Amino acid sequence: MSRELVERALEVSAHAYAPYSRYRVGASVRTRDGRVFDGVNVESAAYPLGVCAEKSALAAAVAAGYGPGDFEAIGITATPCGGCRQWLHELRVDEVSYRRDSGEVVSATPTDLLPDSFEL
């Protein structure tokens, strides 16, 4: 379980831009070579043009040259939405750890979270 990534994501969530929902989310993704990329949710008045924390963390890693299969784990301060579950599956993240509303930290695979994922 990647509890340390969830704790890091919690720290990073303070940087989220969430003026509309006031719901700050953070995510930290670790690559197989040990690099960690952080992301936060960024809202937009032109809803739904905001971005989720998971997507911003994964996009930062992809921009740095990482791709499908390069991701060991991700920690998120909330359960991932359906769209992010597809990203986690498609980029083949091994382990997804997140904090439930109760505060409990749980881990799952992307397939556990999205059993009938979309494949091209």
PDB file of N, CA and C in Angstrom:
ATOM      1  N   MET A   1       0.841  -1.181   0.000  1.00  0.00           N
ATOM      2  CA  MET A   1       0.000   0.000   0.000  1.00  0.00           C
ATOM      3  C   MET A   1       0.883   1.240   0.000  1.00  0.00           C
ATOM      4  N   SER A   2       0.482   2.208  -0.761  1.00  0.00           N
ATOM      5  CA  SER A   2       1.274   3.436  -0.904  1.00  0.00           C
ATOM      6  C   SER A   2       0.743   4.555  -0.019  1.00  0.00           C
ATOM      7  N   ARG A   3       0.706   4.270   1.273  1.00  0.00           N
ATOM      8  CA  ARG A   3       0.220   5.260   2.237  1.00  0.00           C
ATOM      9  C   ARG A   3       1.071   6.529   2.194  1.00  0.00           C
ATOM     10  N   GLU A   4       2.382   6.378   1.964  1.00  0.00           N
ATOM     11  CA  GLU A   4       3.259   7.559   1.915  1.00  0.00           C
ATOM     12  C   GLU A   4       2.918   8.460   0.738  1.00  0.00           C
ATOM     13  N   LEU A   5       2.463   7.880  -0.366  1.00  0.00           N
ATOM     14  CA  LEU A   5       2.053   8.702  -1.503  1.00  0.00           C
ATOM     15  C   LEU A   5       0.748   9.440  -1.202  1.00  0.00           C
ATOM     16  N   VAL A   6      -0.155   8.807  -0.473  1.00  0.00           N
ATOM     17  CA  VAL A   6      -1.404   9.471  -0.084  1.00  0.00           C
ATOM     18  C   VAL A   6      -1.090  10.640   0.850  1.00  0.00           C
ATOM     19  N   GLU A   7      -0.165  10.440   1.780  1.00  0.00           N
ATOM     20  CA  GLU A   7       0.217  11.524   2.703  1.00  0.00           C
ATOM     21  C   GLU A   7       0.871  12.675   1.941  1.00  0.00           C
ATOM     22  N   ARG A   8       1.723  12.347   0.973  1.00  0.00           N
ATOM     23  CA  ARG A   8       2.337  13.397   0.151  1.00  0.00           C
ATOM     24  C   ARG A   8       1.254  14.139  -0.639  1.00  0.00           C
ATOM     25  N   ALA A   9       0.305  13.390  -1.199  1.00  0.00           N
ATOM     26  CA  ALA A   9      -0.790  13.990  -1.952  1.00  0.00           C
ATOM     27  C   ALA A   9      -1.611  14.932  -1.070  1.00  0.00           C
ATOM     28  N   LEU A  10      -1.778  14.563   0.186  1.00  0.00           N
ATOM     29  CA  LEU A  10      -2.513  15.419   1.119  1.00  0.00           C
ATOM     30  C   LEU A  10      -1.800  16.756   1.289  1.00  0.00           C
ATOM     31  N   GLU A  11      -0.478  16.724   1.418  1.00  0.00           N
ATOM     32  CA  GLU A  11       0.297  17.964   1.525  1.00  0.00           C
ATOM     33  C   GLU A  11       0.166  18.798   0.259  1.00  0.00           C
ATOM     34  N   VAL A  12       0.262  18.156  -0.886  1.00  0.00           N
ATOM     35  CA  VAL A  12       0.199  18.841  -2.173  1.00  0.00           C
ATOM     36  C   VAL A  12      -1.189  19.440  -2.417  1.00  0.00           C
ATOM     37  N   SER A  13      -2.232  18.822  -1.880  1.00  0.00           N
ATOM     38  CA  SER A  13      -3.599  19.290  -2.125  1.00  0.00           C
ATOM     39  C   SER A  13      -3.813  20.735  -1.673  1.00  0.00           C
ATOM     40  N   ALA A  14      -2.978  21.227  -0.791  1.00  0.00           N
ATOM     41  CA  ALA A  14      -3.085  22.625  -0.340  1.00  0.00           C
ATOM     42  C   ALA A  14      -2.877  23.602  -1.499  1.00  0.00           C
ATOM     43  N   HIS A  15      -2.240  23.151  -2.571  1.00  0.00           N
ATOM     44  CA  HIS A  15      -1.963  24.006  -3.725  1.00  0.00           C
ATOM     45  C   HIS A  15      -3.063  23.958  -4.788  1.00  0.00           C
ATOM     46  N   ALA A  16      -4.101  23.162  -4.551  1.00  0.00           N
ATOM     47  CA  ALA A  16      -5.183  23.039  -5.534  1.00  0.00           C
ATOM     48  C   ALA A  16      -5.865  24.383  -5.757  1.00  0.00           C
ATOM     49  N   TYR A  17      -6.384  24.552  -6.954  1.00  0.00           N
ATOM     50  CA  TYR A  17      -7.165  25.745  -7.292  1.00  0.00           C
ATOM     51  C   TYR A  17      -8.622  25.296  -7.375  1.00  0.00           C
ATOM     52  N   ALA A  18      -9.356  25.494  -6.299  1.00  0.00           N
ATOM     53  CA  ALA A  18     -10.732  25.006  -6.209  1.00  0.00           C
ATOM     54  C   ALA A  18     -11.658  26.091  -5.651  1.00  0.00           C
ATOM     55  N   PRO A  19     -11.741  27.243  -6.337  1.00  0.00           N
ATOM     56  CA  PRO A  19     -12.556  28.337  -5.802  1.00  0.00           C
ATOM     57  C   PRO A  19     -14.062  28.068  -5.851  1.00  0.00           C
ATOM     58  N   TYR A  20     -14.505  27.118  -6.650  1.00  0.00           N
ATOM     59  CA  TYR A  20     -15.934  26.869  -6.807  1.00  0.00           C
ATOM     60  C   TYR A  20     -16.423  25.767  -5.880  1.00  0.00           C
ATOM     61  N   SER A  21     -15.742  24.653  -5.874  1.00  0.00           N
ATOM     62  CA  SER A  21     -16.158  23.530  -5.030  1.00  0.00           C
ATOM     63  C   SER A  21     -15.550  23.594  -3.631  1.00  0.00           C
ATOM     64  N   ARG A  22     -14.408  24.260  -3.514  1.00  0.00           N
ATOM     65  CA  ARG A  22     -13.632  24.273  -2.257  1.00  0.00           C
ATOM     66  C   ARG A  22     -13.172  22.863  -1.876  1.00  0.00           C
ATOM     67  N   TYR A  23     -13.190  21.959  -2.837  1.00  0.00           N
ATOM     68  CA  TYR A  23     -12.781  20.565  -2.607  1.00  0.00           C
ATOM     69  C   TYR A  23     -11.404  20.374  -3.219  1.00  0.00           C
ATOM     70  N   ARG A  24     -10.388  20.434  -2.377  1.00  0.00           N
ATOM     71  CA  ARG A  24      -9.003  20.344  -2.831  1.00  0.00           C
ATOM     72  C   ARG A  24      -8.567  18.877  -2.886  1.00  0.00           C
ATOM     73  N   VAL A  25      -8.022  18.484  -4.033  1.00  0.00           N
ATOM     74  CA  VAL A  25      -7.563  17.104  -4.220  1.00  0.00           C
ATOM     75  C   VAL A  25      -6.103  17.139  -4.636  1.00  0.00           C
ATOM     76  N   GLY A  26      -5.316  16.227  -4.105  1.00  0.00           N
ATOM     77  CA  GLY A  26      -3.922  16.077  -4.483  1.00  0.00           C
ATOM     78  C   GLY A  26      -3.652  14.649  -4.925  1.00  0.00           C
ATOM     79  N   ALA A  27      -2.645  14.495  -5.773  1.00  0.00           N
ATOM     80  CA  ALA A  27      -2.227  13.167  -6.234  1.00  0.00           C
ATOM     81  C   ALA A  27      -0.715  13.164  -6.394  1.00  0.00           C
ATOM     82  N   SER A  28      -0.100  12.040  -6.077  1.00  0.00           N
ATOM     83  CA  SER A  28       1.345  11.851  -6.248  1.00  0.00           C
ATOM     84  C   SER A  28       1.565  10.497  -6.892  1.00  0.00           C
ATOM     85  N   VAL A  29       2.239  10.510  -8.051  1.00  0.00           N
ATOM     86  CA  VAL A  29       2.480   9.273  -8.789  1.00  0.00           C
ATOM     87  C   VAL A  29       3.975   8.967  -8.786  1.00  0.00           C
ATOM     88  N   ARG A  30       4.305   7.694  -8.509  1.00  0.00           N
ATOM     89  CA  ARG A  30       5.706   7.257  -8.470  1.00  0.00           C
ATOM     90  C   ARG A  30       5.982   6.363  -9.676  1.00  0.00           C
ATOM     91  N   THR A  31       7.084   6.682 -10.360  1.00  0.00           N
ATOM     92  CA  THR A  31       7.499   5.889 -11.516  1.00  0.00           C
ATOM     93  C   THR A  31       8.356   4.717 -11.043  1.00  0.00           C
ATOM     94  N   ARG A  32       8.586   3.779 -11.917  1.00  0.00           N
ATOM     95  CA  ARG A  32       9.390   2.598 -11.565  1.00  0.00           C
ATOM     96  C   ARG A  32      10.823   2.958 -11.189  1.00  0.00           C
ATOM     97  N   ASP A  33      11.333   4.080 -11.717  1.00  0.00           N
ATOM     98  CA  ASP A  33      12.700   4.482 -11.362  1.00  0.00           C
ATOM     99  C   ASP A  33      12.744   5.400 -10.130  1.00  0.00           C
ATOM    100  N   GLY A  34      11.605   5.549  -9.446  1.00  0.00           N
ATOM    101  CA  GLY A  34      11.574   6.254  -8.169  1.00  0.00           C
ATOM    102  C   GLY A  34      11.217   7.727  -8.206  1.00  0.00           C
ATOM    103  N   ARG A  35      11.025   8.312  -9.379  1.00  0.00           N
ATOM    104  CA  ARG A  35      10.620   9.721  -9.442  1.00  0.00           C
ATOM    105  C   ARG A  35       9.173   9.857  -9.015  1.00  0.00           C
ATOM    106  N   VAL A  36       8.864  10.982  -8.396  1.00  0.00           N
ATOM    107  CA  VAL A  36       7.493  11.244  -7.968  1.00  0.00           C
ATOM    108  C   VAL A  36       7.030  12.553  -8.596  1.00  0.00           C
ATOM    109  N   PHE A  37       5.840  12.515  -9.183  1.00  0.00           N
ATOM    110  CA  PHE A  37       5.223  13.691  -9.787  1.00  0.00           C
ATOM    111  C   PHE A  37       3.935  13.986  -9.046  1.00  0.00           C
ATOM    112  N   ASP A  38       3.731  15.258  -8.721  1.00  0.00           N
ATOM    113  CA  ASP A  38       2.548  15.679  -7.978  1.00  0.00           C
ATOM    114  C   ASP A  38       1.571  16.393  -8.889  1.00  0.00           C
ATOM    115  N   GLY A  39       0.315  16.358  -8.503  1.00  0.00           N
ATOM    116  CA  GLY A  39      -0.719  17.080  -9.230  1.00  0.00           C
ATOM    117  C   GLY A  39      -1.827  17.494  -8.287  1.00  0.00           C
ATOM    118  N   VAL A  40      -2.575  18.495  -8.697  1.00  0.00           N
ATOM    119  CA  VAL A  40      -3.727  18.979  -7.935  1.00  0.00           C
ATOM    120  C   VAL A  40      -4.880  19.228  -8.893  1.00  0.00           C
ATOM    121  N   ASN A  41      -6.081  19.305  -8.342  1.00  0.00           N
ATOM    122  CA  ASN A  41      -7.202  19.678  -9.189  1.00  0.00           C
ATOM    123  C   ASN A  41      -7.156  21.185  -9.441  1.00  0.00           C
ATOM    124  N   VAL A  42      -7.533  21.557 -10.651  1.00  0.00           N
ATOM    125  CA  VAL A  42      -7.569  22.955 -11.063  1.00  0.00           C
ATOM    126  C   VAL A  42      -8.929  23.180 -11.712  1.00  0.00           C
ATOM    127  N   GLU A  43      -9.764  23.986 -11.053  1.00  0.00           N
ATOM    128  CA  GLU A  43     -11.107  24.236 -11.554  1.00  0.00           C
ATOM    129  C   GLU A  43     -11.127  25.401 -12.540  1.00  0.00           C
ATOM    130  N   SER A  44     -12.207  25.486 -13.292  1.00  0.00           N
ATOM    131  CA  SER A  44     -12.410  26.562 -14.252  1.00  0.00           C
ATOM    132  C   SER A  44     -13.867  27.000 -14.188  1.00  0.00           C
ATOM    133  N   ALA A  45     -14.098  28.292 -14.339  1.00  0.00           N
ATOM    134  CA  ALA A  45     -15.464  28.793 -14.391  1.00  0.00           C
ATOM    135  C   ALA A  45     -16.188  28.224 -15.605  1.00  0.00           C
ATOM    136  N   ALA A  46     -15.456  27.853 -16.625  1.00  0.00           N
ATOM    137  CA  ALA A  46     -16.027  27.218 -17.814  1.00  0.00           C
ATOM    138  C   ALA A  46     -16.093  25.720 -17.575  1.00  0.00           C
ATOM    139  N   TYR A  47     -16.936  25.322 -16.611  1.00  0.00           N
ATOM    140  CA  TYR A  47     -17.095  23.917 -16.274  1.00  0.00           C
ATOM    141  C   TYR A  47     -17.514  23.164 -17.529  1.00  0.00           C
ATOM    142  N   PRO A  48     -16.993  22.039 -17.895  1.00  0.00           N
ATOM    143  CA  PRO A  48     -16.143  21.109 -17.163  1.00  0.00           C
ATOM    144  C   PRO A  48     -14.682  21.162 -17.594  1.00  0.00           C
ATOM    145  N   LEU A  49     -14.143  22.324 -17.817  1.00  0.00           N
ATOM    146  CA  LEU A  49     -12.780  22.428 -18.330  1.00  0.00           C
ATOM    147  C   LEU A  49     -11.705  22.320 -17.253  1.00  0.00           C
ATOM    148  N   GLY A  50     -12.071  22.030 -16.034  1.00  0.00           N
ATOM    149  CA  GLY A  50     -11.082  21.817 -14.986  1.00  0.00           C
ATOM    150  C   GLY A  50     -10.331  20.518 -15.212  1.00  0.00           C
ATOM    151  N   VAL A  51      -9.336  20.293 -14.382  1.00  0.00           N
ATOM    152  CA  VAL A  51      -8.547  19.065 -14.487  1.00  0.00           C
ATOM    153  C   VAL A  51      -8.436  18.430 -13.103  1.00  0.00           C
ATOM    154  N   CYS A  52      -8.502  17.120 -13.084  1.00  0.00           N
ATOM    155  CA  CYS A  52      -8.384  16.362 -11.836  1.00  0.00           C
ATOM    156  C   CYS A  52      -6.926  16.261 -11.400  1.00  0.00           C
ATOM    157  N   ALA A  53      -6.710  16.044 -10.113  1.00  0.00           N
ATOM    158  CA  ALA A  53      -5.361  15.918  -9.566  1.00  0.00           C
ATOM    159  C   ALA A  53      -4.608  14.750 -10.193  1.00  0.00           C
ATOM    160  N   GLU A  54      -5.289  13.618 -10.364  1.00  0.00           N
ATOM    161  CA  GLU A  54      -4.641  12.448 -10.945  1.00  0.00           C
ATOM    162  C   GLU A  54      -4.155  12.747 -12.353  1.00  0.00           C
ATOM    163  N   LYS A  55      -5.000  13.411 -13.128  1.00  0.00           N
ATOM    164  CA  LYS A  55      -4.637  13.736 -14.504  1.00  0.00           C
ATOM    165  C   LYS A  55      -3.473  14.709 -14.550  1.00  0.00           C
ATOM    166  N   SER A  56      -3.449  15.692 -13.632  1.00  0.00           N
ATOM    167  CA  SER A  56      -2.336  16.646 -13.675  1.00  0.00           C
ATOM    168  C   SER A  56      -1.025  15.992 -13.254  1.00  0.00           C
ATOM    169  N   ALA A  57      -1.056  15.055 -12.298  1.00  0.00           N
ATOM    170  CA  ALA A  57       0.160  14.341 -11.897  1.00  0.00           C
ATOM    171  C   ALA A  57       0.650  13.439 -13.035  1.00  0.00           C
ATOM    172  N   LEU A  58      -0.269  12.698 -13.640  1.00  0.00           N
ATOM    173  CA  LEU A  58       0.108  11.809 -14.738  1.00  0.00           C
ATOM    174  C   LEU A  58       0.574  12.605 -15.957  1.00  0.00           C
ATOM    175  N   ALA A  59      -0.074  13.722 -16.233  1.00  0.00           N
ATOM    176  CA  ALA A  59       0.337  14.548 -17.377  1.00  0.00           C
ATOM    177  C   ALA A  59       1.744  15.099 -17.168  1.00  0.00           C
ATOM    178  N   ALA A  60       2.078  15.482 -15.930  1.00  0.00           N
ATOM    179  CA  ALA A  60       3.437  15.966 -15.646  1.00  0.00           C
ATOM    180  C   ALA A  60       4.456  14.866 -15.907  1.00  0.00           C
ATOM    181  N   ALA A  61       4.127  13.644 -15.509  1.00  0.00           N
ATOM    182  CA  ALA A  61       5.043  12.516 -15.736  1.00  0.00           C
ATOM    183  C   ALA A  61       5.178  12.211 -17.219  1.00  0.00           C
ATOM    184  N   VAL A  62       4.072  12.252 -17.944  1.00  0.00           N
ATOM    185  CA  VAL A  62       4.120  11.994 -19.387  1.00  0.00           C
ATOM    186  C   VAL A  62       4.948  13.081 -20.069  1.00  0.00           C
ATOM    187  N   ALA A  63       4.775  14.339 -19.639  1.00  0.00           N
ATOM    188  CA  ALA A  63       5.558  15.438 -20.213  1.00  0.00           C
ATOM    189  C   ALA A  63       7.055  15.257 -19.963  1.00  0.00           C
ATOM    190  N   ALA A  64       7.391  14.535 -18.886  1.00  0.00           N
ATOM    191  CA  ALA A  64       8.797  14.265 -18.563  1.00  0.00           C
ATOM    192  C   ALA A  64       9.324  13.023 -19.279  1.00  0.00           C
ATOM    193  N   GLY A  65       8.472  12.377 -20.085  1.00  0.00           N
ATOM    194  CA  GLY A  65       8.943  11.250 -20.884  1.00  0.00           C
ATOM    195  C   GLY A  65       8.467   9.876 -20.448  1.00  0.00           C
ATOM    196  N   TYR A  66       7.620   9.788 -19.439  1.00  0.00           N
ATOM    197  CA  TYR A  66       7.120   8.497 -18.968  1.00  0.00           C
ATOM    198  C   TYR A  66       5.854   8.129 -19.720  1.00  0.00           C
ATOM    199  N   GLY A  67       5.570   6.831 -19.783  1.00  0.00           N
ATOM    200  CA  GLY A  67       4.397   6.372 -20.520  1.00  0.00           C
ATOM    201  C   GLY A  67       3.792   5.127 -19.914  1.00  0.00           C
ATOM    202  N   PRO A  68       2.858   4.495 -20.624  1.00  0.00           N
ATOM    203  CA  PRO A  68       2.187   3.306 -20.117  1.00  0.00           C
ATOM    204  C   PRO A  68       3.182   2.257 -19.613  1.00  0.00           C
ATOM    205  N   GLY A  69       2.916   1.762 -18.398  1.00  0.00           N
ATOM    206  CA  GLY A  69       3.768   0.744 -17.789  1.00  0.00           C
ATOM    207  C   GLY A  69       4.909   1.284 -16.958  1.00  0.00           C
ATOM    208  N   ASP A  70       5.125   2.596 -16.981  1.00  0.00           N
ATOM    209  CA  ASP A  70       6.223   3.194 -16.213  1.00  0.00           C
ATOM    210  C   ASP A  70       5.821   3.583 -14.791  1.00  0.00           C
ATOM    211  N   PHE A  71       4.556   3.362 -14.426  1.00  0.00           N
ATOM    212  CA  PHE A  71       4.045   3.862 -13.148  1.00  0.00           C
ATOM    213  C   PHE A  71       3.831   2.743 -12.144  1.00  0.00           C
ATOM    214  N   GLU A  72       4.529   2.871 -11.032  1.00  0.00           N
ATOM    215  CA  GLU A  72       4.459   1.876  -9.969  1.00  0.00           C
ATOM    216  C   GLU A  72       3.237   2.076  -9.081  1.00  0.00           C
ATOM    217  N   ALA A  73       2.964   3.331  -8.701  1.00  0.00           N
ATOM    218  CA  ALA A  73       1.880   3.589  -7.754  1.00  0.00           C
ATOM    219  C   ALA A  73       1.455   5.050  -7.812  1.00  0.00           C
ATOM    220  N   ILE A  74       0.223   5.286  -7.375  1.00  0.00           N
ATOM    221  CA  ILE A  74      -0.283   6.645  -7.223  1.00  0.00           C
ATOM    222  C   ILE A  74      -1.044   6.727  -5.908  1.00  0.00           C
ATOM    223  N   GLY A  75      -0.896   7.851  -5.228  1.00  0.00           N
ATOM    224  CA  GLY A  75      -1.644   8.132  -4.014  1.00  0.00           C
ATOM    225  C   GLY A  75      -2.534   9.332  -4.271  1.00  0.00           C
ATOM    226  N   ILE A  76      -3.790   9.239  -3.855  1.00  0.00           N
ATOM    227  CA  ILE A  76      -4.772  10.281  -4.122  1.00  0.00           C
ATOM    228  C   ILE A  76      -5.527  10.582  -2.831  1.00  0.00           C
ATOM    229  N   THR A  77      -5.907  11.827  -2.641  1.00  0.00           N
ATOM    230  CA  THR A  77      -6.610  12.207  -1.416  1.00  0.00           C
ATOM    231  C   THR A  77      -8.096  11.883  -1.461  1.00  0.00           C
ATOM    232  N   ALA A  78      -8.601  11.387  -2.582  1.00  0.00           N
ATOM    233  CA  ALA A  78     -10.015  11.029  -2.727  1.00  0.00           C
ATOM    234  C   ALA A  78     -10.127   9.883  -3.728  1.00  0.00           C
ATOM    235  N   THR A  79     -11.263   9.245  -3.762  1.00  0.00           N
ATOM    236  CA  THR A  79     -11.465   8.186  -4.738  1.00  0.00           C
ATOM    237  C   THR A  79     -11.474   8.773  -6.153  1.00  0.00           C
ATOM    238  N   PRO A  80     -10.817   8.134  -7.096  1.00  0.00           N
ATOM    239  CA  PRO A  80     -10.753   8.684  -8.453  1.00  0.00           C
ATOM    240  C   PRO A  80     -12.107   8.617  -9.167  1.00  0.00           C
ATOM    241  N   CYS A  81     -12.363   9.635  -9.986  1.00  0.00           N
ATOM    242  CA  CYS A  81     -13.593   9.655 -10.781  1.00  0.00           C
ATOM    243  C   CYS A  81     -13.469   8.632 -11.918  1.00  0.00           C
ATOM    244  N   GLY A  82     -14.555   8.423 -12.630  1.00  0.00           N
ATOM    245  CA  GLY A  82     -14.560   7.451 -13.725  1.00  0.00           C
ATOM    246  C   GLY A  82     -13.547   7.759 -14.810  1.00  0.00           C
ATOM    247  N   GLY A  83     -13.447   9.033 -15.195  1.00  0.00           N
ATOM    248  CA  GLY A  83     -12.489   9.408 -16.235  1.00  0.00           C
ATOM    249  C   GLY A  83     -11.062   9.138 -15.806  1.00  0.00           C
ATOM    250  N   CYS A  84     -10.748   9.442 -14.553  1.00  0.00           N
ATOM    251  CA  CYS A  84      -9.394   9.189 -14.050  1.00  0.00           C
ATOM    252  C   CYS A  84      -9.125   7.693 -13.946  1.00  0.00           C
ATOM    253  N   ARG A  85     -10.145   6.921 -13.647  1.00  0.00           N
ATOM    254  CA  ARG A  85      -9.967   5.468 -13.592  1.00  0.00           C
ATOM    255  C   ARG A  85      -9.534   4.937 -14.963  1.00  0.00           C
ATOM    256  N   GLN A  86     -10.077   5.512 -16.032  1.00  0.00           N
ATOM    257  CA  GLN A  86      -9.659   5.113 -17.379  1.00  0.00           C
ATOM    258  C   GLN A  86      -8.197   5.495 -17.602  1.00  0.00           C
ATOM    259  N   TRP A  87      -7.803   6.703 -17.199  1.00  0.00           N
ATOM    260  CA  TRP A  87      -6.399   7.121 -17.337  1.00  0.00           C
ATOM    261  C   TRP A  87      -5.487   6.163 -16.582  1.00  0.00           C
ATOM    262  N   LEU A  88      -5.846   5.813 -15.345  1.00  0.00           N
ATOM    263  CA  LEU A  88      -5.025   4.914 -14.528  1.00  0.00           C
ATOM    264  C   LEU A  88      -4.883   3.558 -15.203  1.00  0.00           C
ATOM    265  N   HIS A  89      -5.972   3.082 -15.796  1.00  0.00           N
ATOM    266  CA  HIS A  89      -5.935   1.805 -16.517  1.00  0.00           C
ATOM    267  C   HIS A  89      -5.070   1.919 -17.773  1.00  0.00           C
ATOM    268  N   GLU A  90      -5.315   2.947 -18.558  1.00  0.00           N
ATOM    269  CA  GLU A  90      -4.637   3.093 -19.842  1.00  0.00           C
ATOM    270  C   GLU A  90      -3.129   3.305 -19.676  1.00  0.00           C
ATOM    271  N   LEU A  91      -2.733   4.032 -18.623  1.00  0.00           N
ATOM    272  CA  LEU A  91      -1.309   4.258 -18.378  1.00  0.00           C
ATOM    273  C   LEU A  91      -0.689   3.139 -17.552  1.00  0.00           C
ATOM    274  N   ARG A  92      -1.498   2.144 -17.236  1.00  0.00           N
ATOM    275  CA  ARG A  92      -1.053   0.923 -16.554  1.00  0.00           C
ATOM    276  C   ARG A  92      -0.343   1.198 -15.231  1.00  0.00           C
ATOM    277  N   VAL A  93      -0.986   1.979 -14.386  1.00  0.00           N
ATOM    278  CA  VAL A  93      -0.483   2.202 -13.026  1.00  0.00           C
ATOM    279  C   VAL A  93      -0.724   0.909 -12.249  1.00  0.00           C
ATOM    280  N   ASP A  94       0.300   0.422 -11.559  1.00  0.00           N
ATOM    281  CA  ASP A  94       0.177  -0.855 -10.839  1.00  0.00           C
ATOM    282  C   ASP A  94      -0.776  -0.787  -9.650  1.00  0.00           C
ATOM    283  N   GLU A  95      -0.596   0.243  -8.803  1.00  0.00           N
ATOM    284  CA  GLU A  95      -1.349   0.315  -7.556  1.00  0.00           C
ATOM    285  C   GLU A  95      -1.925   1.715  -7.369  1.00  0.00           C
ATOM    286  N   VAL A  96      -3.193   1.764  -6.986  1.00  0.00           N
ATOM    287  CA  VAL A  96      -3.890   3.024  -6.725  1.00  0.00           C
ATOM    288  C   VAL A  96      -4.287   3.028  -5.255  1.00  0.00           C
ATOM    289  N   SER A  97      -3.718   3.964  -4.492  1.00  0.00           N
ATOM    290  CA  SER A  97      -4.084   4.110  -3.082  1.00  0.00           C
ATOM    291  C   SER A  97      -4.797   5.441  -2.920  1.00  0.00           C
ATOM    292  N   TYR A  98      -5.885   5.420  -2.178  1.00  0.00           N
ATOM    293  CA  TYR A  98      -6.665   6.645  -2.010  1.00  0.00           C
ATOM    294  C   TYR A  98      -7.340   6.650  -0.648  1.00  0.00           C
ATOM    295  N   ARG A  99      -7.732   7.859  -0.260  1.00  0.00           N
ATOM    296  CA  ARG A  99      -8.385   8.042   1.032  1.00  0.00           C
ATOM    297  C   ARG A  99      -9.895   8.076   0.807  1.00  0.00           C
ATOM    298  N   ARG A 100     -10.595   7.185   1.507  1.00  0.00           N
ATOM    299  CA  ARG A 100     -12.058   7.190   1.467  1.00  0.00           C
ATOM    300  C   ARG A 100     -12.579   8.352   2.306  1.00  0.00           C
ATOM    301  N   ASP A 101     -13.857   8.666   2.163  1.00  0.00           N
ATOM    302  CA  ASP A 101     -14.470   9.743   2.939  1.00  0.00           C
ATOM    303  C   ASP A 101     -14.310   9.515   4.440  1.00  0.00           C
ATOM    304  N   SER A 102     -14.249   8.253   4.855  1.00  0.00           N
ATOM    305  CA  SER A 102     -14.091   7.907   6.271  1.00  0.00           C
ATOM    306  C   SER A 102     -12.676   8.185   6.784  1.00  0.00           C
ATOM    307  N   GLY A 103     -11.737   8.438   5.849  1.00  0.00           N
ATOM    308  CA  GLY A 103     -10.346   8.642   6.223  1.00  0.00           C
ATOM    309  C   GLY A 103      -9.497   7.407   6.034  1.00  0.00           C
ATOM    310  N   GLU A 104     -10.136   6.272   5.830  1.00  0.00           N
ATOM    311  CA  GLU A 104      -9.417   5.018   5.620  1.00  0.00           C
ATOM    312  C   GLU A 104      -8.665   5.070   4.282  1.00  0.00           C
ATOM    313  N   VAL A 105      -7.416   4.607   4.289  1.00  0.00           N
ATOM    314  CA  VAL A 105      -6.628   4.524   3.067  1.00  0.00           C
ATOM    315  C   VAL A 105      -6.720   3.091   2.552  1.00  0.00           C
ATOM    316  N   VAL A 106      -7.099   2.955   1.285  1.00  0.00           N
ATOM    317  CA  VAL A 106      -7.241   1.643   0.666  1.00  0.00           C
ATOM    318  C   VAL A 106      -6.444   1.610  -0.631  1.00  0.00           C
ATOM    319  N   SER A 107      -6.130   0.418  -1.084  1.00  0.00           N
ATOM    320  CA  SER A 107      -5.404   0.244  -2.341  1.00  0.00           C
ATOM    321  C   SER A 107      -6.168  -0.709  -3.251  1.00  0.00           C
ATOM    322  N   ALA A 108      -6.033  -0.468  -4.550  1.00  0.00           N
ATOM    323  CA  ALA A 108      -6.688  -1.298  -5.548  1.00  0.00           C
ATOM    324  C   ALA A 108      -5.869  -1.217  -6.831  1.00  0.00           C
ATOM    325  N   THR A 109      -6.207  -2.062  -7.770  1.00  0.00           N
ATOM    326  CA  THR A 109      -5.614  -1.953  -9.105  1.00  0.00           C
ATOM    327  C   THR A 109      -6.591  -1.158  -9.966  1.00  0.00           C
ATOM    328  N   PRO A 110      -6.113  -0.596 -11.072  1.00  0.00           N
ATOM    329  CA  PRO A 110      -7.043   0.069 -11.986  1.00  0.00           C
ATOM    330  C   PRO A 110      -8.156  -0.863 -12.481  1.00  0.00           C
ATOM    331  N   THR A 111      -7.846  -2.146 -12.676  1.00  0.00           N
ATOM    332  CA  THR A 111      -8.860  -3.106 -13.110  1.00  0.00           C
ATOM    333  C   THR A 111      -9.920  -3.311 -12.037  1.00  0.00           C
ATOM    334  N   ASP A 112      -9.506  -3.305 -10.752  1.00  0.00           N
ATOM    335  CA  ASP A 112     -10.479  -3.392  -9.661  1.00  0.00           C
ATOM    336  C   ASP A 112     -11.429  -2.193  -9.712  1.00  0.00           C
ATOM    337  N   LEU A 113     -10.874  -1.010  -9.988  1.00  0.00           N
ATOM    338  CA  LEU A 113     -11.664   0.212  -9.981  1.00  0.00           C
ATOM    339  C   LEU A 113     -12.513   0.388 -11.234  1.00  0.00           C
ATOM    340  N   LEU A 114     -12.074  -0.194 -12.345  1.00  0.00           N
ATOM    341  CA  LEU A 114     -12.780  -0.054 -13.619  1.00  0.00           C
ATOM    342  C   LEU A 114     -12.719  -1.392 -14.362  1.00  0.00           C
ATOM    343  N   PRO A 115     -13.558  -2.343 -13.947  1.00  0.00           N
ATOM    344  CA  PRO A 115     -13.452  -3.702 -14.485  1.00  0.00           C
ATOM    345  C   PRO A 115     -13.730  -3.825 -15.985  1.00  0.00           C
ATOM    346  N   ASP A 116     -14.553  -2.983 -16.541  1.00  0.00           N
ATOM    347  CA  ASP A 116     -14.856  -3.053 -17.972  1.00  0.00           C
ATOM    348  C   ASP A 116     -14.313  -1.816 -18.677  1.00  0.00           C
ATOM    349  N   SER A 117     -13.017  -1.622 -18.566  1.00  0.00           N
ATOM    350  CA  SER A 117     -12.381  -0.417 -19.121  1.00  0.00           C
ATOM    351  C   SER A 117     -12.407  -0.430 -20.640  1.00  0.00           C
ATOM    352  N   PHE A 118     -12.252   0.743 -21.206  1.00  0.00           N
ATOM    353  CA  PHE A 118     -12.269   0.932 -22.643  1.00  0.00           C
ATOM    354  C   PHE A 118     -10.898   0.634 -23.212  1.00  0.00           C
ATOM    355  N   GLU A 119     -10.841  -0.191 -24.230  1.00  0.00           N
ATOM    356  CA  GLU A 119      -9.588  -0.532 -24.908  1.00  0.00           C
ATOM    357  C   GLU A 119      -9.684  -0.142 -26.380  1.00  0.00           C
ATOM    358  N   LEU A 120      -8.624   0.411 -26.931  1.00  0.00           N
ATOM    359  CA  LEU A 120      -8.608   0.696 -28.359  1.00  0.00           C
ATOM    360  C   LEU A 120      -8.021  -0.476 -29.115  1.00  0.00           C
TER     361      LEU A 120
END
